[in-house]
Protein backbone atom coordinates (compact mmCIF):
# COMPACT_ATOMS: atom_id res chain seq x y z
CA MET A 1 -43.46 -176.29 -17.09
CA ALA A 2 -43.97 -179.82 -15.80
CA LYS A 3 -47.50 -181.03 -15.26
CA ALA A 4 -48.52 -181.24 -11.59
CA PRO A 5 -49.31 -184.68 -10.20
CA GLU A 6 -53.00 -185.62 -10.24
CA ASN A 7 -53.33 -185.30 -6.45
CA MET A 8 -52.22 -181.64 -6.42
CA VAL A 9 -54.35 -178.49 -6.71
CA LEU A 10 -53.19 -175.08 -7.85
CA ARG A 11 -53.46 -172.15 -5.40
CA THR A 12 -52.49 -168.61 -6.32
CA VAL A 13 -51.07 -166.54 -3.49
CA TYR A 14 -49.67 -163.01 -3.59
CA PHE A 15 -46.57 -162.36 -1.48
CA PRO A 16 -44.92 -159.04 -0.76
CA LYS A 17 -41.70 -158.78 -2.76
CA ALA A 18 -39.50 -158.89 0.37
CA LEU A 19 -41.19 -162.09 1.58
CA ASP A 20 -40.79 -163.72 -1.83
CA ASN A 21 -37.09 -162.82 -1.80
CA ARG A 22 -36.70 -164.48 1.62
CA LEU A 23 -38.61 -167.53 0.35
CA ARG A 24 -36.32 -167.76 -2.69
CA ASP A 25 -33.18 -167.52 -0.53
CA VAL A 26 -34.29 -170.24 1.92
CA ALA A 27 -35.47 -172.57 -0.84
CA PHE A 28 -32.13 -172.10 -2.61
CA ARG A 29 -30.18 -172.91 0.57
CA LEU A 30 -32.27 -176.07 1.06
CA ASP A 31 -31.96 -176.98 -2.63
CA VAL A 32 -35.73 -177.25 -3.13
CA SER A 33 -38.21 -175.31 -5.24
CA LYS A 34 -40.15 -172.44 -3.70
CA GLY A 35 -43.34 -174.48 -4.22
CA GLU A 36 -41.90 -177.46 -2.35
CA TYR A 37 -40.74 -175.27 0.52
CA ILE A 38 -44.16 -173.57 0.74
CA ARG A 39 -45.84 -177.00 0.90
CA ARG A 40 -43.49 -178.10 3.71
CA VAL A 41 -44.02 -174.93 5.74
CA VAL A 42 -47.81 -175.00 5.34
CA GLU A 43 -47.93 -178.67 6.31
CA GLU A 44 -45.78 -178.00 9.38
CA ALA A 45 -47.98 -175.07 10.40
CA LEU A 46 -51.16 -177.14 9.99
CA ASP A 47 -49.62 -180.03 11.96
CA ASN A 48 -48.73 -177.62 14.76
CA ILE A 49 -52.23 -176.18 14.86
CA GLY A 50 -53.75 -179.65 14.84
CA GLY A 51 -51.50 -180.82 17.68
CA LYS A 52 -49.44 -183.23 15.60
CA PRO A 53 -45.67 -183.18 16.08
CA ALA A 54 -43.88 -180.99 13.57
CA ARG A 55 -41.30 -182.37 11.21
CA ALA A 56 -37.96 -180.60 10.91
CA VAL A 57 -38.29 -178.67 7.66
CA ALA A 58 -37.20 -175.15 8.49
CA ALA A 59 -33.85 -173.84 7.39
CA PRO A 60 -31.28 -172.98 10.01
CA LYS A 61 -31.79 -169.49 11.40
CA ALA A 62 -29.54 -166.97 9.73
CA ALA A 63 -28.95 -163.37 10.62
CA LYS A 64 -31.67 -161.19 9.12
CA PRO A 65 -30.45 -158.57 6.68
CA ALA A 66 -30.96 -154.99 7.78
CA LYS A 67 -34.21 -153.48 6.56
CA VAL A 68 -33.81 -150.56 4.22
CA ALA A 69 -36.64 -148.05 4.30
CA ALA A 70 -37.85 -146.66 1.01
CA ALA A 71 -36.64 -143.11 0.55
CA LYS A 72 -39.44 -140.53 0.70
CA PRO A 73 -39.07 -136.78 0.41
CA ALA A 74 -39.44 -135.05 3.76
CA GLY A 75 -43.03 -134.19 4.63
CA VAL A 76 -44.61 -136.58 2.09
CA VAL A 77 -47.47 -138.61 3.52
CA ALA A 78 -48.87 -141.61 1.66
CA ARG A 79 -52.59 -141.27 1.08
CA LYS A 80 -55.24 -143.28 -0.70
CA PRO A 81 -56.22 -141.76 -4.02
CA LYS A 82 -59.56 -139.99 -3.96
CA ALA A 83 -62.45 -141.44 -5.89
CA VAL A 84 -63.01 -139.47 -9.05
CA GLU A 85 -66.56 -138.60 -10.00
CA PRO A 86 -67.29 -138.96 -13.73
CA VAL A 87 -67.74 -135.66 -15.49
CA VAL A 88 -71.11 -135.38 -17.17
CA GLU A 89 -71.42 -132.57 -19.62
CA ALA A 90 -74.77 -130.84 -19.93
CA ALA A 91 -76.37 -131.29 -23.31
CA SER A 92 -76.36 -128.04 -25.24
CA PRO A 93 -79.78 -126.92 -26.47
CA ARG A 94 -80.33 -127.50 -30.13
CA VAL A 95 -81.34 -124.56 -32.15
CA ALA A 96 -83.90 -125.40 -34.77
CA SER A 97 -83.22 -123.57 -37.94
CA GLY A 98 -86.26 -122.17 -39.54
CA GLY A 99 -86.45 -122.18 -43.21
C-alpha cells in the first residue's frame, strides 16, 4: 500500500455492505479510488453545509437496482440476544476425614 501524503489523516468508517457496493460501482465508473470519491463527496457535503458553492463531483444518476429482501422463514422475528448470566456453582462442603 502506498504511503499517504503527510497532510492526510486516516479515518476508519464502517459502511453497510450494500452502501460499500454502491460506492465501489460509482468510483469505478468515475475511474477513481473509493477513498478519493469519499473525500470528494465529504468535501462537497461540507461545502454545501457551509454555504460554499458545490463542485460537480457526483456521478450521473443511474437507475437504482431493485432491492432484494433477505429471505426469512415465515413467522421469524429478529430479536436481540438475551444477556446471559454467568453460572456460579455452589461450593460443595468438604468432608474432613478423621483418622
